[in-house]
Amino acid sequence: MPCQLCDRPVPELTEHHLVPRQYTKRRQQEPGPTVWLCRPCHKQIHTLFDNHTLARELNTLEKLQAHPQMQRFISWIRKQRPEKQVRSYR
């Protein structure tokens, strides 16, 4: 199964909550929708954005894909080998 953000076929995916659990848990709500991401994409999201921004502004896959900083990262990561270790930068 490929990463839902960069579309690369990677051996392992991580579950990303589109609305951070800190917001749903506090209000005793269901965790909400999730997407499956490769580790570099997941790490980059949490490097660039705080949970408040993710909960309020970037709470769908489409909004994440449309954000300019993520578009640059996605464009770059798609060119990388799936097994390559990648660092996250702001």
C-alpha atoms as a PDB file:
ATOM      1  CA  MET A   1       0.000   0.000   0.000  1.00  0.00           C
ATOM      2  CA  PRO A   2       1.514   3.379  -0.945  1.00  0.00           C
ATOM      3  CA  CYS A   3       1.758   6.447   1.284  1.00  0.00           C
ATOM      4  CA  GLN A   4      -1.458   8.425   0.896  1.00  0.00           C
ATOM      5  CA  LEU A   5       0.446  11.727   0.772  1.00  0.00           C
ATOM      6  CA  CYS A   6       3.449  11.117  -1.496  1.00  0.00           C
ATOM      7  CA  ASP A   7       2.130   7.953  -3.192  1.00  0.00           C
ATOM      8  CA  ARG A   8       5.451   6.101  -2.787  1.00  0.00           C
ATOM      9  CA  PRO A   9       5.326   2.341  -2.241  1.00  0.00           C
ATOM     10  CA  VAL A  10       7.057   1.874   1.119  1.00  0.00           C
ATOM     11  CA  PRO A  11       7.386  -1.230   3.287  1.00  0.00           C
ATOM     12  CA  GLU A  12       5.929   0.386   6.417  1.00  0.00           C
ATOM     13  CA  LEU A  13       3.235   3.018   6.966  1.00  0.00           C
ATOM     14  CA  THR A  14       2.192   4.979  10.047  1.00  0.00           C
ATOM     15  CA  GLU A  15      -1.299   6.090  10.999  1.00  0.00           C
ATOM     16  CA  HIS A  16      -1.817   9.876  11.060  1.00  0.00           C
ATOM     17  CA  HIS A  17      -4.886  11.317  12.791  1.00  0.00           C
ATOM     18  CA  LEU A  18      -6.155  14.213  10.689  1.00  0.00           C
ATOM     19  CA  VAL A  19      -7.456  15.890  13.844  1.00  0.00           C
ATOM     20  CA  PRO A  20      -4.780  15.362  16.521  1.00  0.00           C
ATOM     21  CA  ARG A  21      -5.884  13.006  19.267  1.00  0.00           C
ATOM     22  CA  GLN A  22      -5.131  15.644  21.872  1.00  0.00           C
ATOM     23  CA  TYR A  23      -8.206  17.552  20.633  1.00  0.00           C
ATOM     24  CA  THR A  24     -10.608  14.624  20.359  1.00  0.00           C
ATOM     25  CA  LYS A  25      -9.491  12.870  23.552  1.00  0.00           C
ATOM     26  CA  ARG A  26      -9.946  16.014  25.646  1.00  0.00           C
ATOM     27  CA  ARG A  27     -13.527  16.368  24.412  1.00  0.00           C
ATOM     28  CA  GLN A  28     -14.171  12.626  24.767  1.00  0.00           C
ATOM     29  CA  GLN A  29     -14.912  12.341  21.040  1.00  0.00           C
ATOM     30  CA  GLU A  30     -14.121   9.582  18.601  1.00  0.00           C
ATOM     31  CA  PRO A  31     -10.541   9.840  17.246  1.00  0.00           C
ATOM     32  CA  GLY A  32     -11.784  10.847  13.784  1.00  0.00           C
ATOM     33  CA  PRO A  33     -10.447   9.999  10.331  1.00  0.00           C
ATOM     34  CA  THR A  34      -6.909   8.799   9.757  1.00  0.00           C
ATOM     35  CA  VAL A  35      -4.602   8.384   6.767  1.00  0.00           C
ATOM     36  CA  TRP A  36      -1.659   6.048   6.248  1.00  0.00           C
ATOM     37  CA  LEU A  37       1.656   7.803   5.643  1.00  0.00           C
ATOM     38  CA  CYS A  38       5.290   6.874   5.209  1.00  0.00           C
ATOM     39  CA  ARG A  39       7.528   7.901   8.097  1.00  0.00           C
ATOM     40  CA  PRO A  40       9.185  10.846   6.281  1.00  0.00           C
ATOM     41  CA  CYS A  41       5.823  12.413   5.355  1.00  0.00           C
ATOM     42  CA  HIS A  42       4.408  11.887   8.839  1.00  0.00           C
ATOM     43  CA  LYS A  43       7.506  13.338  10.471  1.00  0.00           C
ATOM     44  CA  GLN A  44       7.551  16.336   8.116  1.00  0.00           C
ATOM     45  CA  ILE A  45       3.927  17.194   8.940  1.00  0.00           C
ATOM     46  CA  HIS A  46       4.677  17.280  12.662  1.00  0.00           C
ATOM     47  CA  THR A  47       7.910  19.202  12.095  1.00  0.00           C
ATOM     48  CA  LEU A  48       6.202  21.944  10.100  1.00  0.00           C
ATOM     49  CA  PHE A  49       2.885  22.302  11.924  1.00  0.00           C
ATOM     50  CA  ASP A  50       1.739  22.347  15.521  1.00  0.00           C
ATOM     51  CA  ASN A  51      -1.326  20.377  16.613  1.00  0.00           C
ATOM     52  CA  HIS A  52      -3.488  23.499  16.759  1.00  0.00           C
ATOM     53  CA  THR A  53      -2.789  24.275  13.074  1.00  0.00           C
ATOM     54  CA  LEU A  54      -3.374  20.661  12.108  1.00  0.00           C
ATOM     55  CA  ALA A  55      -6.709  20.551  13.953  1.00  0.00           C
ATOM     56  CA  ARG A  56      -8.036  23.875  12.664  1.00  0.00           C
ATOM     57  CA  GLU A  57      -6.578  24.331   9.174  1.00  0.00           C
ATOM     58  CA  LEU A  58      -5.006  21.128   7.846  1.00  0.00           C
ATOM     59  CA  ASN A  59      -7.504  18.478   8.922  1.00  0.00           C
ATOM     60  CA  THR A  60      -7.977  16.729   5.563  1.00  0.00           C
ATOM     61  CA  LEU A  61      -5.603  14.949   3.222  1.00  0.00           C
ATOM     62  CA  GLU A  62      -6.466  17.437   0.470  1.00  0.00           C
ATOM     63  CA  LYS A  63      -5.588  20.443   2.652  1.00  0.00           C
ATOM     64  CA  LEU A  64      -2.253  18.875   3.592  1.00  0.00           C
ATOM     65  CA  GLN A  65      -1.458  18.141  -0.063  1.00  0.00           C
ATOM     66  CA  ALA A  66      -2.375  21.708  -1.071  1.00  0.00           C
ATOM     67  CA  HIS A  67      -0.193  23.458   1.522  1.00  0.00           C
ATOM     68  CA  PRO A  68       2.838  25.065  -0.240  1.00  0.00           C
ATOM     69  CA  GLN A  69       5.430  23.744   2.223  1.00  0.00           C
ATOM     70  CA  MET A  70       4.053  20.223   1.932  1.00  0.00           C
ATOM     71  CA  GLN A  71       3.866  20.472  -1.865  1.00  0.00           C
ATOM     72  CA  ARG A  72       7.603  21.241  -1.960  1.00  0.00           C
ATOM     73  CA  PHE A  73       8.357  18.336   0.349  1.00  0.00           C
ATOM     74  CA  ILE A  74       6.104  15.912  -1.553  1.00  0.00           C
ATOM     75  CA  SER A  75       7.688  16.912  -4.833  1.00  0.00           C
ATOM     76  CA  TRP A  76      11.128  16.179  -3.380  1.00  0.00           C
ATOM     77  CA  ILE A  77      10.293  12.973  -1.473  1.00  0.00           C
ATOM     78  CA  ARG A  78       8.696  11.366  -4.538  1.00  0.00           C
ATOM     79  CA  LYS A  79      12.154  11.353  -6.147  1.00  0.00           C
ATOM     80  CA  GLN A  80      13.741   9.512  -3.203  1.00  0.00           C
ATOM     81  CA  ARG A  81      14.165   5.766  -2.871  1.00  0.00           C
ATOM     82  CA  PRO A  82      11.516   4.316  -0.496  1.00  0.00           C
ATOM     83  CA  GLU A  83      14.154   2.801   1.811  1.00  0.00           C
ATOM     84  CA  LYS A  84      16.165   6.037   2.114  1.00  0.00           C
ATOM     85  CA  GLN A  85      16.417   7.597   5.597  1.00  0.00           C
ATOM     86  CA  VAL A  86      15.281  11.230   5.401  1.00  0.00           C
ATOM     87  CA  ARG A  87      15.685  14.148   7.787  1.00  0.00           C
ATOM     88  CA  SER A  88      12.938  16.662   8.495  1.00  0.00           C
ATOM     89  CA  TYR A  89      13.600  20.365   8.072  1.00  0.00           C
ATOM     90  CA  ARG A  90      11.444  23.410   8.705  1.00  0.00           C
END
